[in-house]
Amino acid sequence: MSYYQPSRGHDTHSSHPPPSQLDKHNDSDLPNDNTASSNLKRKCIDYHNPAVLDLSDRLYKKSSRSSHIKDSLSYSCNLQPHSSYLRWMGLPIGEVSAFVPSSVFLTQMAHVTRAKNSNPVMCLSWTPGGRRLLTGNQEGEFTLWDGINFSFELIMSAHDNSFRCMAWSHNNNYLLTSDAGGNIKYWSPSIAPVQSIDSHNGQPIHALSFSPSDTKFVSCGDDATVRIWDWAQRKEEFELKGHGWDVKTVQWHPRSSVICSGSKDNLVKLWDPRSGLLLSTLYGHKNTVTKVAWNDNGNWLLTASRDQLIKLYDIRAMRELCSLK
């Protein structure tokens, strides 16, 4: 936590001229009350810890990893690998047989807050600055929370039906939301409505994802289709058909023109958004696929299902690396 003092045009601690010199100036040159109040230095607290970004970068950036490989007293001021933190967390080193990643993350409930109404929360997302938390409930209402003490700030009507998902663009300039009535809405960072689109034949839309360039986005719904949209023209480009049941999840590759979708038909499919053709199908699960997620480097794909399995695939070799249960 650091303190930041905004700089001003002149130093507030400089000595004042003697009265004899003040008499030589006009009254307009003398500082007024507004100028004096603007020169006050107010302390600001930066709540954004760069360590969180650094830990995530280590997973796929070699340059970020090289500065943390030395574990010595001279490097104690820098961030150390996860295993170096074990001795600072009250764990008995003699009983630690292997590195446990969850030991450096909060694994217990830290805070509970409730809205004025008791409607279920269907989706949530941080605002781009990280200062506020945005939630969507079953009544189609936005609720805005303070991100520091999680106090209630604002509630507003957004959709006519229950929320299903929300997704920010990569440049954080726009927010996409969808509901159970097949409606997609564009929002500005100030949560002002920009555009509304009806699609998926009025069926619930479960997931939205932006392309790496933010020029297109993809949606999936209970009509068993995956649809690709042009962001600027707000028009549908492709309707991808191939799933035999409701499509529950979809995500665009972080760097390439590949889309991954998971459905209630137990299948995971890879699509080419440029041509709308099916690239491959993964048959690893035996129940509804509820979530798919790409690694930041785009080489690995995680899939989760109601069969209580999480599978990791290497897309370069199109093979399953491991299965977690």
Protein backbone atom coordinates (compact mmCIF):
# COMPACT_ATOMS: atom_id res chain seq x y z
CA MET A 1 0.00 0.00 0.00
CA SER A 2 1.59 3.28 -1.07
CA TYR A 3 0.72 6.91 -0.56
CA TYR A 4 0.59 9.29 -3.47
CA GLN A 5 0.57 13.07 -3.17
CA PRO A 6 -0.62 14.91 -6.30
CA SER A 7 1.87 17.44 -7.60
CA ARG A 8 0.87 21.06 -7.90
CA GLY A 9 2.12 23.93 -9.94
CA HIS A 10 4.10 25.40 -7.01
CA ASP A 11 5.42 24.24 -3.65
CA THR A 12 3.04 24.71 -0.76
CA HIS A 13 5.91 24.68 1.74
CA SER A 14 7.79 27.62 0.21
CA SER A 15 8.29 30.60 2.52
CA HIS A 16 5.99 33.59 2.15
CA PRO A 17 7.44 36.96 1.16
CA PRO A 18 7.63 39.63 3.83
CA PRO A 19 4.72 42.07 4.20
CA SER A 20 6.75 44.84 2.67
CA GLN A 21 6.94 42.95 -0.61
CA LEU A 22 3.26 42.09 -0.55
CA ASP A 23 2.36 45.75 -0.46
CA LYS A 24 4.06 46.22 -3.83
CA HIS A 25 1.63 43.85 -5.59
CA ASN A 26 -1.92 44.47 -6.66
CA ASP A 27 -4.85 42.85 -4.88
CA SER A 28 -5.42 40.58 -7.90
CA ASP A 29 -1.99 39.02 -7.36
CA LEU A 30 -2.79 37.93 -3.84
CA PRO A 31 -3.93 34.31 -3.39
CA ASN A 32 -7.63 33.88 -2.68
CA ASP A 33 -9.34 31.23 -0.58
CA ASN A 34 -9.95 28.94 -3.56
CA THR A 35 -6.26 28.94 -4.50
CA ALA A 36 -5.23 28.19 -0.94
CA SER A 37 -7.61 25.26 -0.69
CA SER A 38 -6.43 23.84 -4.01
CA ASN A 39 -2.85 23.76 -2.75
CA LEU A 40 -3.67 21.32 0.02
CA LYS A 41 -2.01 17.93 -0.42
CA ARG A 42 -4.38 15.03 -0.03
CA LYS A 43 -3.10 11.52 0.49
CA CYS A 44 -4.41 8.89 -1.93
CA ILE A 45 -4.12 5.15 -1.35
CA ASP A 46 -3.40 2.80 -4.23
CA TYR A 47 -5.30 -0.44 -3.65
CA HIS A 48 -4.05 -2.16 -6.79
CA ASN A 49 -1.30 -4.59 -5.86
CA PRO A 50 1.07 -5.24 -8.78
CA ALA A 51 1.97 -8.58 -7.25
CA VAL A 52 -1.31 -10.07 -8.49
CA LEU A 53 -0.47 -9.17 -12.07
CA ASP A 54 3.06 -10.45 -11.64
CA LEU A 55 1.90 -13.83 -10.37
CA SER A 56 -0.39 -14.28 -13.37
CA ASP A 57 2.33 -13.19 -15.81
CA ARG A 58 4.73 -15.85 -14.54
CA LEU A 59 2.55 -18.58 -16.01
CA TYR A 60 3.32 -17.67 -19.60
CA LYS A 61 5.94 -14.89 -19.73
CA LYS A 62 9.54 -16.03 -19.52
CA SER A 63 10.89 -12.54 -18.82
CA SER A 64 8.75 -12.21 -15.71
CA ARG A 65 10.06 -15.51 -14.37
CA SER A 66 13.77 -14.77 -14.73
CA SER A 67 13.84 -12.03 -12.08
CA HIS A 68 12.44 -14.31 -9.37
CA ILE A 69 14.59 -17.42 -9.64
CA LYS A 70 17.21 -16.30 -7.12
CA ASP A 71 16.24 -17.17 -3.56
CA SER A 72 18.66 -15.36 -1.29
CA LEU A 73 18.67 -12.62 1.32
CA SER A 74 19.81 -10.06 -1.23
CA TYR A 75 16.65 -10.70 -3.23
CA SER A 76 14.28 -10.79 -0.27
CA CYS A 77 12.84 -7.42 -1.21
CA ASN A 78 11.57 -8.85 -4.49
CA LEU A 79 8.76 -11.27 -5.04
CA GLN A 80 9.79 -14.90 -4.56
CA PRO A 81 8.33 -18.10 -6.04
CA HIS A 82 5.33 -19.65 -4.32
CA SER A 83 7.40 -22.18 -2.39
CA SER A 84 9.43 -19.36 -0.80
CA TYR A 85 6.30 -18.00 0.86
CA LEU A 86 5.54 -21.19 2.78
CA ARG A 87 7.76 -20.24 5.72
CA TRP A 88 5.96 -16.91 6.07
CA MET A 89 2.49 -18.44 6.28
CA GLY A 90 2.78 -20.32 9.55
CA LEU A 91 3.12 -23.72 7.91
CA PRO A 92 5.40 -26.31 9.52
CA ILE A 93 8.15 -26.67 6.94
CA GLY A 94 9.01 -30.18 8.11
CA GLU A 95 5.52 -31.38 7.27
CA VAL A 96 5.33 -29.75 3.83
CA SER A 97 6.01 -32.62 1.45
CA ALA A 98 5.21 -30.80 -1.79
CA PHE A 99 4.37 -27.36 -3.09
CA VAL A 100 0.65 -26.59 -2.63
CA PRO A 101 -0.46 -23.66 -4.85
CA SER A 102 -3.62 -23.07 -2.81
CA SER A 103 -1.51 -22.28 0.26
CA VAL A 104 -0.68 -18.80 -1.06
CA PHE A 105 -4.28 -17.86 -1.83
CA LEU A 106 -7.19 -17.04 0.43
CA THR A 107 -9.23 -20.24 0.70
CA GLN A 108 -11.78 -19.15 3.26
CA MET A 109 -14.65 -16.66 3.28
CA ALA A 110 -13.39 -13.14 3.94
CA HIS A 111 -16.51 -10.98 3.72
CA VAL A 112 -20.28 -11.26 3.25
CA THR A 113 -22.53 -8.50 1.99
CA ARG A 114 -26.20 -8.53 1.03
CA ALA A 115 -28.33 -6.40 -1.25
CA LYS A 116 -31.57 -4.79 -0.17
CA ASN A 117 -33.54 -7.34 -2.19
CA SER A 118 -33.07 -11.09 -1.94
CA ASN A 119 -32.92 -11.91 -5.66
CA PRO A 120 -30.32 -14.49 -6.74
CA VAL A 121 -27.11 -13.11 -8.30
CA MET A 122 -26.71 -14.64 -11.78
CA CYS A 123 -23.38 -13.07 -12.86
CA LEU A 124 -20.80 -10.58 -11.65
CA SER A 125 -17.75 -8.72 -12.88
CA TRP A 126 -15.25 -6.11 -11.70
CA THR A 127 -15.28 -2.74 -13.41
CA PRO A 128 -12.13 -2.03 -15.48
CA GLY A 129 -10.56 0.10 -12.74
CA GLY A 130 -11.17 -2.55 -10.10
CA ARG A 131 -12.79 -0.02 -7.78
CA ARG A 132 -16.32 -1.38 -8.05
CA LEU A 133 -18.08 -4.70 -8.41
CA LEU A 134 -20.97 -5.10 -10.84
CA THR A 135 -23.59 -7.84 -10.37
CA GLY A 136 -26.67 -8.89 -12.33
CA ASN A 137 -29.62 -10.53 -10.59
CA GLN A 138 -32.58 -12.66 -11.56
CA GLU A 139 -34.83 -9.64 -11.97
CA GLY A 140 -32.61 -8.14 -14.69
CA GLU A 141 -31.16 -5.41 -12.43
CA PHE A 142 -27.61 -4.07 -12.20
CA THR A 143 -26.23 -3.69 -8.68
CA LEU A 144 -23.07 -1.64 -8.12
CA TRP A 145 -20.89 -2.30 -5.05
CA ASP A 146 -17.89 -0.47 -3.66
CA GLY A 147 -14.84 -2.66 -4.29
CA ILE A 148 -13.03 -1.67 -1.09
CA ASN A 149 -15.57 -2.19 1.70
CA PHE A 150 -18.29 -3.85 -0.49
CA SER A 151 -20.96 -1.40 0.51
CA PHE A 152 -24.08 -0.98 -1.63
CA GLU A 153 -23.93 1.97 -4.06
CA LEU A 154 -26.51 1.74 -6.84
CA ILE A 155 -29.22 -0.47 -8.34
CA MET A 156 -30.74 0.04 -11.79
CA SER A 157 -32.92 -1.85 -14.24
CA ALA A 158 -31.03 -3.30 -17.22
CA HIS A 159 -32.94 -6.25 -18.76
CA ASP A 160 -36.54 -7.38 -18.89
CA ASN A 161 -35.50 -10.94 -18.08
CA SER A 162 -33.01 -12.63 -15.79
CA PHE A 163 -29.31 -11.93 -16.33
CA ARG A 164 -27.22 -14.74 -17.81
CA CYS A 165 -23.71 -13.35 -18.36
CA MET A 166 -21.60 -10.21 -18.80
CA ALA A 167 -18.24 -9.70 -20.52
CA TRP A 168 -15.93 -6.67 -20.86
CA SER A 169 -14.04 -5.97 -24.07
CA HIS A 170 -10.25 -6.37 -23.93
CA ASN A 171 -9.74 -2.60 -24.15
CA ASN A 172 -12.32 -2.11 -21.34
CA ASN A 173 -14.32 0.35 -23.43
CA TYR A 174 -17.58 -1.59 -23.53
CA LEU A 175 -19.58 -4.16 -21.60
CA LEU A 176 -21.76 -6.88 -23.10
CA THR A 177 -24.64 -8.44 -21.17
CA SER A 178 -27.22 -11.09 -22.05
CA ASP A 179 -30.44 -12.34 -20.51
CA ALA A 180 -32.82 -15.30 -20.52
CA GLY A 181 -34.91 -13.76 -23.31
CA GLY A 182 -32.22 -13.80 -26.01
CA ASN A 183 -31.35 -10.11 -25.66
CA ILE A 184 -27.79 -8.73 -25.90
CA LYS A 185 -27.00 -5.19 -24.77
CA TYR A 186 -23.99 -2.91 -25.21
CA TRP A 187 -22.98 -0.70 -22.26
CA SER A 188 -20.43 2.06 -21.85
CA PRO A 189 -17.97 2.05 -18.90
CA SER A 190 -20.33 4.44 -17.10
CA ILE A 191 -23.06 1.75 -17.38
CA ALA A 192 -25.06 3.73 -19.94
CA PRO A 193 -26.99 1.69 -22.56
CA VAL A 194 -25.62 1.91 -26.10
CA GLN A 195 -27.35 -0.76 -28.21
CA SER A 196 -29.74 -3.70 -27.90
CA ILE A 197 -29.90 -6.85 -30.07
CA ASP A 198 -32.45 -9.68 -30.03
CA SER A 199 -31.10 -13.06 -31.12
CA HIS A 200 -31.03 -16.84 -30.54
CA ASN A 201 -34.76 -17.06 -31.23
CA GLY A 202 -35.60 -15.69 -27.80
CA GLN A 203 -33.72 -18.46 -25.98
CA PRO A 204 -31.37 -17.80 -23.00
CA ILE A 205 -27.84 -16.70 -23.93
CA HIS A 206 -25.37 -18.34 -21.55
CA ALA A 207 -21.97 -16.95 -22.59
CA LEU A 208 -20.32 -14.07 -24.46
CA SER A 209 -16.69 -13.65 -25.50
CA PHE A 210 -14.73 -11.02 -27.44
CA SER A 211 -12.17 -11.65 -30.17
CA PRO A 212 -8.56 -10.59 -29.41
CA SER A 213 -9.02 -7.42 -31.51
CA ASP A 214 -12.45 -6.57 -30.01
CA THR A 215 -13.86 -6.21 -33.53
CA LYS A 216 -16.11 -9.29 -33.14
CA PHE A 217 -17.73 -11.29 -30.38
CA VAL A 218 -19.37 -14.68 -30.02
CA SER A 219 -22.50 -15.81 -28.19
CA CYS A 220 -24.11 -19.17 -27.40
CA GLY A 221 -27.57 -20.13 -26.22
CA ASP A 222 -30.23 -22.74 -25.67
CA ASP A 223 -31.10 -22.84 -29.38
CA ALA A 224 -28.05 -25.15 -29.84
CA THR A 225 -26.17 -22.55 -31.91
CA VAL A 226 -23.02 -20.45 -31.62
CA ARG A 227 -23.25 -17.06 -33.30
CA ILE A 228 -20.49 -14.68 -34.40
CA TRP A 229 -21.23 -10.94 -34.45
CA ASP A 230 -19.56 -7.88 -35.94
CA TRP A 231 -19.09 -5.36 -33.15
CA ALA A 232 -19.20 -2.11 -35.17
CA GLN A 233 -22.06 -3.05 -37.52
CA ARG A 234 -23.94 -4.99 -34.80
CA LYS A 235 -24.77 -7.69 -37.34
CA GLU A 236 -24.63 -11.47 -37.19
CA GLU A 237 -21.93 -12.95 -39.45
CA PHE A 238 -22.15 -16.69 -38.87
CA GLU A 239 -24.51 -19.13 -37.21
CA LEU A 240 -22.50 -22.19 -36.21
CA LYS A 241 -24.58 -25.36 -36.05
CA GLY A 242 -23.27 -28.71 -34.89
CA HIS A 243 -24.27 -29.17 -31.28
CA GLY A 244 -27.22 -31.40 -30.60
CA TRP A 245 -28.43 -29.61 -27.47
CA ASP A 246 -28.15 -26.38 -25.47
CA VAL A 247 -24.74 -24.67 -25.75
CA LYS A 248 -23.71 -23.68 -22.23
CA THR A 249 -20.30 -22.06 -22.68
CA VAL A 250 -18.11 -20.47 -25.35
CA GLN A 251 -14.78 -18.66 -25.39
CA TRP A 252 -12.64 -17.07 -28.11
CA HIS A 253 -8.96 -18.03 -28.32
CA PRO A 254 -6.80 -15.28 -26.72
CA ARG A 255 -4.55 -14.93 -29.80
CA SER A 256 -5.89 -16.91 -32.75
CA SER A 257 -9.04 -17.32 -34.82
CA VAL A 258 -10.38 -20.30 -32.89
CA ILE A 259 -13.59 -20.56 -30.87
CA CYS A 260 -14.27 -23.27 -28.30
CA SER A 261 -17.79 -24.20 -27.21
CA GLY A 262 -19.26 -26.72 -24.77
CA SER A 263 -22.77 -28.12 -24.82
CA LYS A 264 -25.34 -30.20 -23.02
CA ASP A 265 -24.63 -32.94 -25.58
CA ASN A 266 -21.35 -33.64 -23.68
CA LEU A 267 -19.21 -32.38 -26.59
CA VAL A 268 -16.52 -29.71 -26.86
CA LYS A 269 -16.15 -28.25 -30.34
CA LEU A 270 -13.53 -26.02 -31.96
CA TRP A 271 -14.65 -23.62 -34.70
CA ASP A 272 -13.02 -21.38 -37.31
CA PRO A 273 -14.72 -17.95 -36.99
CA ARG A 274 -13.43 -16.79 -40.39
CA SER A 275 -15.23 -19.49 -42.36
CA GLY A 276 -17.74 -20.77 -39.81
CA LEU A 277 -16.50 -24.35 -40.23
CA LEU A 278 -16.04 -26.98 -37.53
CA LEU A 279 -12.37 -27.76 -36.85
CA SER A 280 -12.50 -30.58 -34.30
CA THR A 281 -14.64 -32.25 -31.64
CA LEU A 282 -13.49 -33.48 -28.21
CA TYR A 283 -15.37 -36.44 -26.73
CA GLY A 284 -13.81 -36.56 -23.25
CA HIS A 285 -16.86 -35.84 -21.06
CA LYS A 286 -19.90 -37.95 -20.20
CA ASN A 287 -22.21 -35.16 -19.05
CA THR A 288 -23.04 -31.52 -19.76
CA VAL A 289 -19.98 -29.34 -20.42
CA THR A 290 -20.47 -26.30 -18.22
CA LYS A 291 -17.29 -24.28 -18.78
CA VAL A 292 -14.34 -23.97 -21.18
CA ALA A 293 -11.31 -21.73 -20.63
CA TRP A 294 -8.13 -21.03 -22.61
CA ASN A 295 -4.75 -20.54 -21.00
CA ASP A 296 -3.28 -17.08 -21.58
CA ASN A 297 -0.69 -18.46 -24.01
CA GLY A 298 -3.44 -20.25 -25.96
CA ASN A 299 -1.75 -23.66 -25.92
CA TRP A 300 -3.90 -25.36 -23.30
CA LEU A 301 -7.64 -25.70 -22.93
CA LEU A 302 -9.55 -26.49 -19.74
CA THR A 303 -13.02 -28.03 -19.84
CA ALA A 304 -15.36 -28.65 -16.89
CA SER A 305 -18.42 -30.87 -16.85
CA ARG A 306 -21.20 -32.17 -14.66
CA ASP A 307 -19.48 -35.55 -14.68
CA GLN A 308 -17.28 -34.03 -11.92
CA LEU A 309 -14.22 -33.95 -14.18
CA ILE A 310 -11.91 -31.12 -15.27
CA LYS A 311 -9.85 -32.01 -18.34
CA LEU A 312 -6.73 -30.30 -19.64
CA TYR A 313 -6.02 -30.51 -23.40
CA ASP A 314 -2.94 -29.55 -25.39
CA ILE A 315 -4.43 -27.98 -28.50
CA ARG A 316 -1.10 -28.10 -30.38
CA ALA A 317 -1.15 -31.90 -30.30
CA MET A 318 -4.94 -32.25 -29.85
CA ARG A 319 -4.51 -34.65 -26.93
CA GLU A 320 -5.64 -34.83 -23.33
CA LEU A 321 -2.89 -34.08 -20.82
CA CYS A 322 -4.66 -34.89 -17.58
CA SER A 323 -8.03 -35.32 -15.94
CA LEU A 324 -8.83 -33.84 -12.51
CA LYS A 325 -11.54 -35.25 -10.29
